[in-house]
Amino acid sequence: MDRKARIREYKETPRLMGVCGVRNTTNGRWLVRSSVNLPGMINRTRFQLENGSHKNRELQKDWNELGPEAFEFETLDTLEPTDQPGCDPSEDLRMLEEMWFEKLTLSEGSGYDNKPERGA
């Protein structure tokens, strides 16, 4: 397969959508986010934390103090892609994110946000 065909195939491959979380294993706090590209969201979050540039100051502070070994990155839920053209999954992702945020902050501990931000 030539390079252009591989690039086209990559671009046409649907990304895994859903909800991911970053869990502080020492205090039980969570950061919950939804995205149309979960692997990208997890990679971006990890990169920002490792480089001290994450927007959530409390999470960044804990990361800096406790180190990466105190955190787990998890895929919490996935959303199946639809074959319908023009379908926007943002509302479904928002609802999944809110559901997981409530579930985890009520059962596990407080979250890093008062309420979840909207997904990407």
Protein backbone atom coordinates (compact mmCIF):
# COMPACT_ATOMS: atom_id res chain seq x y z
CA MET A 1 0.00 0.00 0.00
CA ASP A 2 1.45 3.36 -0.91
CA ARG A 3 1.80 6.26 1.48
CA LYS A 4 -1.15 8.28 0.11
CA ALA A 5 -3.48 5.30 0.44
CA ARG A 6 -2.40 4.72 4.06
CA ILE A 7 -2.99 8.40 4.88
CA ARG A 8 -6.44 8.30 3.24
CA GLU A 9 -7.30 5.10 5.12
CA TYR A 10 -6.21 6.68 8.43
CA LYS A 11 -8.31 9.79 7.80
CA GLU A 12 -11.37 7.73 6.90
CA THR A 13 -11.12 5.44 9.94
CA PRO A 14 -13.67 6.46 12.58
CA ARG A 15 -12.16 7.50 15.92
CA LEU A 16 -13.22 6.00 19.23
CA MET A 17 -15.69 8.44 20.86
CA GLY A 18 -16.75 8.50 24.47
CA VAL A 19 -15.80 9.47 28.00
CA CYS A 20 -12.40 9.19 29.65
CA GLY A 21 -11.21 9.93 33.14
CA VAL A 22 -8.05 10.76 35.00
CA ARG A 23 -8.13 9.36 38.53
CA ASN A 24 -5.88 10.42 41.35
CA THR A 25 -5.24 7.13 43.15
CA THR A 26 -4.14 8.83 46.38
CA ASN A 27 -7.23 10.93 47.06
CA GLY A 28 -9.88 9.52 44.70
CA ARG A 29 -10.45 12.74 42.77
CA TRP A 30 -11.48 12.52 39.10
CA LEU A 31 -11.28 14.60 35.98
CA VAL A 32 -13.95 13.43 33.51
CA ARG A 33 -13.98 14.47 29.84
CA SER A 34 -15.77 13.44 26.67
CA SER A 35 -14.36 13.56 23.18
CA VAL A 36 -15.01 12.49 19.61
CA ASN A 37 -11.42 11.19 19.68
CA LEU A 38 -10.70 9.41 22.99
CA PRO A 39 -7.13 8.34 22.25
CA GLY A 40 -6.33 11.91 21.22
CA MET A 41 -7.94 13.30 24.38
CA ILE A 42 -5.98 10.95 26.63
CA ASN A 43 -2.72 11.69 24.84
CA ARG A 44 -3.34 15.44 24.96
CA THR A 45 -4.21 15.38 28.68
CA ARG A 46 -1.13 13.31 29.54
CA PHE A 47 1.09 15.59 27.42
CA GLN A 48 -0.29 18.75 29.09
CA LEU A 49 0.22 17.31 32.57
CA GLU A 50 3.75 16.13 31.80
CA ASN A 51 4.63 19.58 30.47
CA GLY A 52 2.95 21.57 33.26
CA SER A 53 0.40 23.19 30.97
CA HIS A 54 -2.93 21.60 31.93
CA LYS A 55 -5.73 24.16 32.37
CA ASN A 56 -7.06 22.55 35.54
CA ARG A 57 -4.72 24.03 38.15
CA GLU A 58 -5.72 21.65 40.96
CA LEU A 59 -5.07 18.59 38.82
CA GLN A 60 -1.77 20.03 37.60
CA LYS A 61 -0.72 20.81 41.19
CA ASP A 62 -1.48 17.26 42.33
CA TRP A 63 0.35 15.83 39.30
CA ASN A 64 3.41 17.94 40.08
CA GLU A 65 3.40 17.00 43.77
CA LEU A 66 2.48 13.29 43.52
CA GLY A 67 3.98 12.36 40.16
CA PRO A 68 2.48 10.43 37.25
CA GLU A 69 2.48 7.11 39.12
CA ALA A 70 -0.36 8.47 41.31
CA PHE A 71 -2.73 8.79 38.32
CA GLU A 72 -4.67 6.41 36.12
CA PHE A 73 -6.13 7.23 32.70
CA GLU A 74 -9.26 5.26 31.90
CA THR A 75 -11.78 4.95 29.09
CA LEU A 76 -15.06 5.01 31.00
CA ASP A 77 -17.59 4.67 28.18
CA THR A 78 -17.66 4.60 24.39
CA LEU A 79 -20.18 5.81 21.86
CA GLU A 80 -20.69 3.84 18.67
CA PRO A 81 -20.29 5.87 15.49
CA THR A 82 -23.43 6.20 13.40
CA ASP A 83 -23.76 5.71 9.66
CA GLN A 84 -26.11 8.69 9.38
CA PRO A 85 -24.48 11.54 7.48
CA GLY A 86 -24.29 14.82 9.36
CA CYS A 87 -25.04 13.22 12.74
CA ASP A 88 -23.58 15.28 15.59
CA PRO A 89 -22.69 13.17 18.65
CA SER A 90 -21.98 16.18 20.89
CA GLU A 91 -25.24 16.02 22.86
CA ASP A 92 -24.87 12.28 23.49
CA LEU A 93 -21.27 12.81 24.60
CA ARG A 94 -22.30 15.67 26.89
CA MET A 95 -24.92 13.47 28.55
CA LEU A 96 -22.46 10.59 28.99
CA GLU A 97 -19.90 12.96 30.49
CA GLU A 98 -22.41 14.38 32.98
CA MET A 99 -23.57 10.88 33.92
CA TRP A 100 -20.01 9.70 34.61
CA PHE A 101 -19.10 12.89 36.43
CA GLU A 102 -22.05 12.47 38.80
CA LYS A 103 -21.46 8.75 39.27
CA LEU A 104 -17.76 9.09 40.05
CA THR A 105 -17.91 12.18 42.23
CA LEU A 106 -20.76 10.73 44.30
CA SER A 107 -19.27 7.25 44.74
CA GLU A 108 -15.50 7.78 44.53
CA GLY A 109 -14.82 11.28 45.83
CA SER A 110 -14.79 14.84 44.66
CA GLY A 111 -13.98 15.80 41.11
CA TYR A 112 -11.43 18.29 39.92
CA ASP A 113 -14.31 20.43 38.61
CA ASN A 114 -17.54 21.64 40.14
CA LYS A 115 -19.21 20.53 36.93
CA PRO A 116 -17.80 18.94 33.80
CA GLU A 117 -16.56 21.03 30.89
CA ARG A 118 -18.01 20.25 27.54
CA GLY A 119 -16.14 17.64 25.53
CA ALA A 120 -14.00 18.23 22.52
